[in-house]
Amino acid sequence: MQKKSEKTIKNNDNRMIMGLVLMCLMLAMGIFVAVVALNQKEREITRLEEEIGRLEQEISSMGEGRQAESSCQESLSAVEQRIAFSEGQFSGYDLYFMPWKGM
């Protein structure tokens, strides 16, 4: 009788350990997915910032006509709005995964 209860206790311990291992794996997978999404957004923001730099150079190099400048300003403001939206979407994650950004 005692051997049977010891075996039951051992089986329960094994199940508990397997449950903890599975929970840790799920947590690690969730963190990995969040970091990948954050890196993708960061690459998009970098690309948009480069586009802003290019548009600003284009604006400064254009000396002919107010209409071309107006068109570039509209494109620039559209890109800045996309950056603001992208940054607003992940602002909480930035502070959680990269606390030095909040400093």
N, C-alpha and C. Protein backbone atom coordinates (compact mmCIF):
# COMPACT_ATOMS: atom_id res chain seq x y z
N MET A 1 0.82 -1.19 0.00
CA MET A 1 0.00 0.00 0.00
C MET A 1 0.86 1.26 0.00
N GLN A 2 1.94 1.23 0.80
CA GLN A 2 2.79 2.39 0.89
C GLN A 2 3.55 2.61 -0.41
N LYS A 3 3.95 1.53 -1.08
CA LYS A 3 4.66 1.66 -2.36
C LYS A 3 3.77 2.32 -3.40
N LYS A 4 2.49 1.99 -3.35
CA LYS A 4 1.56 2.57 -4.31
C LYS A 4 1.41 4.07 -4.09
N SER A 5 1.34 4.51 -2.85
CA SER A 5 1.20 5.95 -2.58
C SER A 5 2.49 6.69 -2.91
N GLU A 6 3.66 6.06 -2.71
CA GLU A 6 4.92 6.69 -3.08
C GLU A 6 5.01 6.86 -4.60
N LYS A 7 4.53 5.87 -5.32
CA LYS A 7 4.53 5.96 -6.79
C LYS A 7 3.59 7.07 -7.26
N THR A 8 2.44 7.19 -6.60
CA THR A 8 1.48 8.25 -6.95
C THR A 8 2.08 9.62 -6.68
N ILE A 9 2.77 9.77 -5.56
CA ILE A 9 3.42 11.05 -5.23
C ILE A 9 4.49 11.37 -6.26
N LYS A 10 5.27 10.36 -6.67
CA LYS A 10 6.33 10.58 -7.66
C LYS A 10 5.73 10.99 -9.01
N ASN A 11 4.63 10.35 -9.41
CA ASN A 11 3.96 10.71 -10.66
C ASN A 11 3.42 12.14 -10.60
N ASN A 12 2.85 12.51 -9.48
CA ASN A 12 2.35 13.88 -9.33
C ASN A 12 3.48 14.90 -9.40
N ASP A 13 4.63 14.58 -8.80
CA ASP A 13 5.79 15.48 -8.87
C ASP A 13 6.26 15.63 -10.32
N ASN A 14 6.31 14.53 -11.03
CA ASN A 14 6.73 14.58 -12.43
C ASN A 14 5.77 15.43 -13.26
N ARG A 15 4.49 15.29 -13.03
CA ARG A 15 3.50 16.09 -13.76
C ARG A 15 3.66 17.57 -13.44
N MET A 16 3.91 17.87 -12.18
CA MET A 16 4.09 19.27 -11.78
C MET A 16 5.34 19.86 -12.45
N ILE A 17 6.40 19.12 -12.50
CA ILE A 17 7.63 19.59 -13.13
C ILE A 17 7.40 19.80 -14.62
N MET A 18 6.73 18.88 -15.27
CA MET A 18 6.44 19.04 -16.70
C MET A 18 5.56 20.27 -16.94
N GLY A 19 4.60 20.51 -16.07
CA GLY A 19 3.76 21.70 -16.19
C GLY A 19 4.57 22.97 -16.07
N LEU A 20 5.49 23.00 -15.12
CA LEU A 20 6.35 24.18 -14.97
C LEU A 20 7.25 24.39 -16.17
N VAL A 21 7.78 23.30 -16.72
CA VAL A 21 8.63 23.40 -17.91
C VAL A 21 7.82 23.95 -19.09
N LEU A 22 6.62 23.46 -19.27
CA LEU A 22 5.77 23.94 -20.37
C LEU A 22 5.41 25.41 -20.19
N MET A 23 5.12 25.82 -18.98
CA MET A 23 4.82 27.24 -18.74
C MET A 23 6.02 28.12 -19.04
N CYS A 24 7.21 27.68 -18.66
CA CYS A 24 8.43 28.45 -18.95
C CYS A 24 8.66 28.55 -20.46
N LEU A 25 8.43 27.46 -21.18
CA LEU A 25 8.58 27.49 -22.63
C LEU A 25 7.60 28.44 -23.28
N MET A 26 6.36 28.44 -22.81
CA MET A 26 5.35 29.35 -23.36
C MET A 26 5.72 30.80 -23.07
N LEU A 27 6.21 31.07 -21.88
CA LEU A 27 6.63 32.43 -21.53
C LEU A 27 7.80 32.87 -22.40
N ALA A 28 8.77 31.99 -22.61
CA ALA A 28 9.92 32.34 -23.45
C ALA A 28 9.47 32.59 -24.89
N MET A 29 8.53 31.82 -25.38
CA MET A 29 8.04 32.01 -26.74
C MET A 29 7.30 33.35 -26.85
N GLY A 30 6.52 33.70 -25.86
CA GLY A 30 5.82 34.98 -25.87
C GLY A 30 6.78 36.16 -25.86
N ILE A 31 7.82 36.07 -25.07
CA ILE A 31 8.83 37.14 -25.02
C ILE A 31 9.54 37.24 -26.37
N PHE A 32 9.86 36.11 -26.97
CA PHE A 32 10.53 36.11 -28.27
C PHE A 32 9.66 36.79 -29.33
N VAL A 33 8.39 36.48 -29.36
CA VAL A 33 7.48 37.08 -30.34
C VAL A 33 7.38 38.59 -30.12
N ALA A 34 7.32 39.03 -28.87
CA ALA A 34 7.24 40.46 -28.59
C ALA A 34 8.52 41.18 -29.03
N VAL A 35 9.66 40.58 -28.79
CA VAL A 35 10.93 41.21 -29.19
C VAL A 35 11.04 41.28 -30.71
N VAL A 36 10.61 40.23 -31.40
CA VAL A 36 10.66 40.25 -32.86
C VAL A 36 9.75 41.34 -33.41
N ALA A 37 8.56 41.47 -32.84
CA ALA A 37 7.63 42.52 -33.30
C ALA A 37 8.22 43.90 -33.03
N LEU A 38 8.85 44.07 -31.89
CA LEU A 38 9.45 45.36 -31.56
C LEU A 38 10.60 45.69 -32.51
N ASN A 39 11.43 44.71 -32.83
CA ASN A 39 12.53 44.95 -33.76
C ASN A 39 12.01 45.32 -35.15
N GLN A 40 10.93 44.68 -35.55
CA GLN A 40 10.35 44.99 -36.86
C GLN A 40 9.83 46.44 -36.88
N LYS A 41 9.18 46.87 -35.82
CA LYS A 41 8.69 48.24 -35.75
C LYS A 41 9.86 49.23 -35.73
N GLU A 42 10.92 48.85 -35.04
CA GLU A 42 12.08 49.73 -34.97
C GLU A 42 12.73 49.90 -36.35
N ARG A 43 12.80 48.80 -37.12
CA ARG A 43 13.32 48.89 -38.48
C ARG A 43 12.44 49.78 -39.34
N GLU A 44 11.12 49.68 -39.16
CA GLU A 44 10.20 50.51 -39.93
C GLU A 44 10.39 51.99 -39.58
N ILE A 45 10.55 52.27 -38.30
CA ILE A 45 10.76 53.66 -37.87
C ILE A 45 12.08 54.19 -38.44
N THR A 46 13.12 53.38 -38.44
CA THR A 46 14.41 53.80 -39.00
C THR A 46 14.27 54.11 -40.48
N ARG A 47 13.55 53.25 -41.20
CA ARG A 47 13.35 53.47 -42.63
C ARG A 47 12.57 54.77 -42.87
N LEU A 48 11.55 55.01 -42.05
CA LEU A 48 10.78 56.24 -42.21
C LEU A 48 11.61 57.48 -41.86
N GLU A 49 12.48 57.37 -40.86
CA GLU A 49 13.35 58.49 -40.53
C GLU A 49 14.33 58.79 -41.66
N GLU A 50 14.81 57.74 -42.32
CA GLU A 50 15.69 57.95 -43.47
C GLU A 50 14.92 58.63 -44.60
N GLU A 51 13.66 58.25 -44.77
CA GLU A 51 12.83 58.89 -45.79
C GLU A 51 12.61 60.37 -45.45
N ILE A 52 12.44 60.68 -44.18
CA ILE A 52 12.30 62.08 -43.77
C ILE A 52 13.57 62.85 -44.10
N GLY A 53 14.73 62.26 -43.81
CA GLY A 53 16.00 62.92 -44.13
C GLY A 53 16.14 63.18 -45.61
N ARG A 54 15.76 62.20 -46.42
CA ARG A 54 15.82 62.38 -47.86
C ARG A 54 14.88 63.49 -48.32
N LEU A 55 13.67 63.51 -47.75
CA LEU A 55 12.71 64.55 -48.13
C LEU A 55 13.18 65.94 -47.69
N GLU A 56 13.79 66.01 -46.51
CA GLU A 56 14.30 67.30 -46.06
C GLU A 56 15.44 67.79 -46.96
N GLN A 57 16.30 66.87 -47.40
CA GLN A 57 17.36 67.26 -48.34
C GLN A 57 16.77 67.71 -49.66
N GLU A 58 15.74 67.03 -50.10
CA GLU A 58 15.08 67.39 -51.35
C GLU A 58 14.46 68.78 -51.23
N ILE A 59 13.86 69.07 -50.09
CA ILE A 59 13.24 70.39 -49.88
C ILE A 59 14.31 71.47 -49.89
N SER A 60 15.43 71.21 -49.18
CA SER A 60 16.46 72.23 -49.10
C SER A 60 17.18 72.44 -50.44
N SER A 61 17.28 71.37 -51.25
CA SER A 61 17.97 71.51 -52.52
C SER A 61 17.08 72.15 -53.60
N MET A 62 15.81 72.12 -53.38
CA MET A 62 14.90 72.72 -54.37
C MET A 62 14.79 74.22 -54.14
N GLY A 63 15.16 74.96 -55.14
CA GLY A 63 15.03 76.40 -55.02
C GLY A 63 13.95 76.94 -55.94
N GLU A 64 13.42 76.08 -56.78
CA GLU A 64 12.49 76.55 -57.80
C GLU A 64 11.06 76.20 -57.43
N GLY A 65 10.32 77.11 -57.07
CA GLY A 65 8.88 76.91 -56.96
C GLY A 65 8.38 76.52 -55.59
N ARG A 66 7.32 77.16 -55.25
CA ARG A 66 6.67 76.93 -53.98
C ARG A 66 5.84 75.65 -54.00
N GLN A 67 5.38 75.26 -55.16
CA GLN A 67 4.51 74.10 -55.27
C GLN A 67 5.29 72.81 -54.97
N ALA A 68 6.51 72.71 -55.46
CA ALA A 68 7.34 71.53 -55.20
C ALA A 68 7.63 71.43 -53.70
N GLU A 69 7.90 72.55 -53.08
CA GLU A 69 8.16 72.56 -51.63
C GLU A 69 6.90 72.14 -50.87
N SER A 70 5.77 72.63 -51.31
CA SER A 70 4.51 72.27 -50.66
C SER A 70 4.25 70.77 -50.78
N SER A 71 4.52 70.19 -51.95
CA SER A 71 4.33 68.76 -52.17
C SER A 71 5.24 67.95 -51.25
N CYS A 72 6.49 68.39 -51.14
CA CYS A 72 7.44 67.69 -50.26
C CYS A 72 7.04 67.82 -48.80
N GLN A 73 6.55 68.99 -48.43
CA GLN A 73 6.12 69.19 -47.04
C GLN A 73 4.95 68.27 -46.71
N GLU A 74 4.04 68.09 -47.67
CA GLU A 74 2.91 67.18 -47.44
C GLU A 74 3.40 65.75 -47.26
N SER A 75 4.34 65.33 -48.10
CA SER A 75 4.91 63.98 -47.97
C SER A 75 5.63 63.83 -46.64
N LEU A 76 6.36 64.85 -46.25
CA LEU A 76 7.09 64.83 -44.99
C LEU A 76 6.12 64.72 -43.81
N SER A 77 5.06 65.49 -43.83
CA SER A 77 4.11 65.43 -42.72
C SER A 77 3.41 64.07 -42.67
N ALA A 78 3.15 63.46 -43.84
CA ALA A 78 2.54 62.13 -43.86
C ALA A 78 3.48 61.10 -43.24
N VAL A 79 4.76 61.19 -43.56
CA VAL A 79 5.74 60.26 -43.00
C VAL A 79 5.87 60.48 -41.50
N GLU A 80 5.89 61.72 -41.06
CA GLU A 80 5.98 62.01 -39.63
C GLU A 80 4.76 61.48 -38.88
N GLN A 81 3.58 61.55 -39.50
CA GLN A 81 2.39 61.00 -38.87
C GLN A 81 2.49 59.49 -38.74
N ARG A 82 3.05 58.82 -39.76
CA ARG A 82 3.22 57.37 -39.68
C ARG A 82 4.20 57.00 -38.58
N ILE A 83 5.27 57.80 -38.42
CA ILE A 83 6.23 57.54 -37.35
C ILE A 83 5.57 57.73 -35.99
N ALA A 84 4.80 58.81 -35.85
CA ALA A 84 4.13 59.06 -34.57
C ALA A 84 3.17 57.93 -34.25
N PHE A 85 2.46 57.43 -35.25
CA PHE A 85 1.55 56.31 -35.02
C PHE A 85 2.31 55.06 -34.62
N SER A 86 3.42 54.78 -35.32
CA SER A 86 4.20 53.58 -35.00
C SER A 86 4.81 53.67 -33.61
N GLU A 87 5.31 54.83 -33.24
CA GLU A 87 5.90 54.99 -31.91
C GLU A 87 4.83 54.90 -30.84
N GLY A 88 3.66 55.46 -31.09
CA GLY A 88 2.58 55.40 -30.12
C GLY A 88 2.06 54.00 -29.92
N GLN A 89 2.17 53.17 -30.95
CA GLN A 89 1.68 51.82 -30.87
C GLN A 89 2.50 50.96 -29.92
N PHE A 90 3.80 51.22 -29.80
CA PHE A 90 4.67 50.37 -29.01
C PHE A 90 5.36 51.13 -27.88
N SER A 91 4.82 52.24 -27.44
CA SER A 91 5.53 53.03 -26.44
C SER A 91 5.70 52.27 -25.12
N GLY A 92 4.70 51.50 -24.72
CA GLY A 92 4.82 50.75 -23.48
C GLY A 92 5.86 49.65 -23.57
N TYR A 93 5.93 48.99 -24.74
CA TYR A 93 6.92 47.93 -24.92
C TYR A 93 8.33 48.50 -24.93
N ASP A 94 8.51 49.70 -25.50
CA ASP A 94 9.84 50.31 -25.52
C ASP A 94 10.37 50.44 -24.11
N LEU A 95 9.53 50.93 -23.21
CA LEU A 95 9.99 51.15 -21.85
C LEU A 95 10.20 49.83 -21.11
N TYR A 96 9.45 48.79 -21.47
CA TYR A 96 9.59 47.51 -20.79
C TYR A 96 10.82 46.75 -21.27
N PHE A 97 11.00 46.65 -22.60
CA PHE A 97 12.11 45.88 -23.13
C PHE A 97 13.40 46.68 -23.24
N MET A 98 13.28 48.01 -23.40
CA MET A 98 14.46 48.85 -23.54
C MET A 98 14.32 50.06 -22.61
N PRO A 99 14.54 49.87 -21.32
CA PRO A 99 14.30 50.96 -20.37
C PRO A 99 15.20 52.17 -20.59
N TRP A 100 16.35 51.99 -21.27
CA TRP A 100 17.23 53.14 -21.49
C TRP A 100 16.60 54.14 -22.45
N LYS A 101 15.58 53.75 -23.23
CA LYS A 101 14.92 54.69 -24.13
C LYS A 101 14.11 55.73 -23.37
N GLY A 102 13.66 55.38 -22.17
CA GLY A 102 12.85 56.30 -21.39
C GLY A 102 13.67 57.34 -20.66
N MET A 103 14.98 57.18 -20.66
CA MET A 103 15.85 58.09 -19.92
C MET A 103 16.11 59.36 -20.68
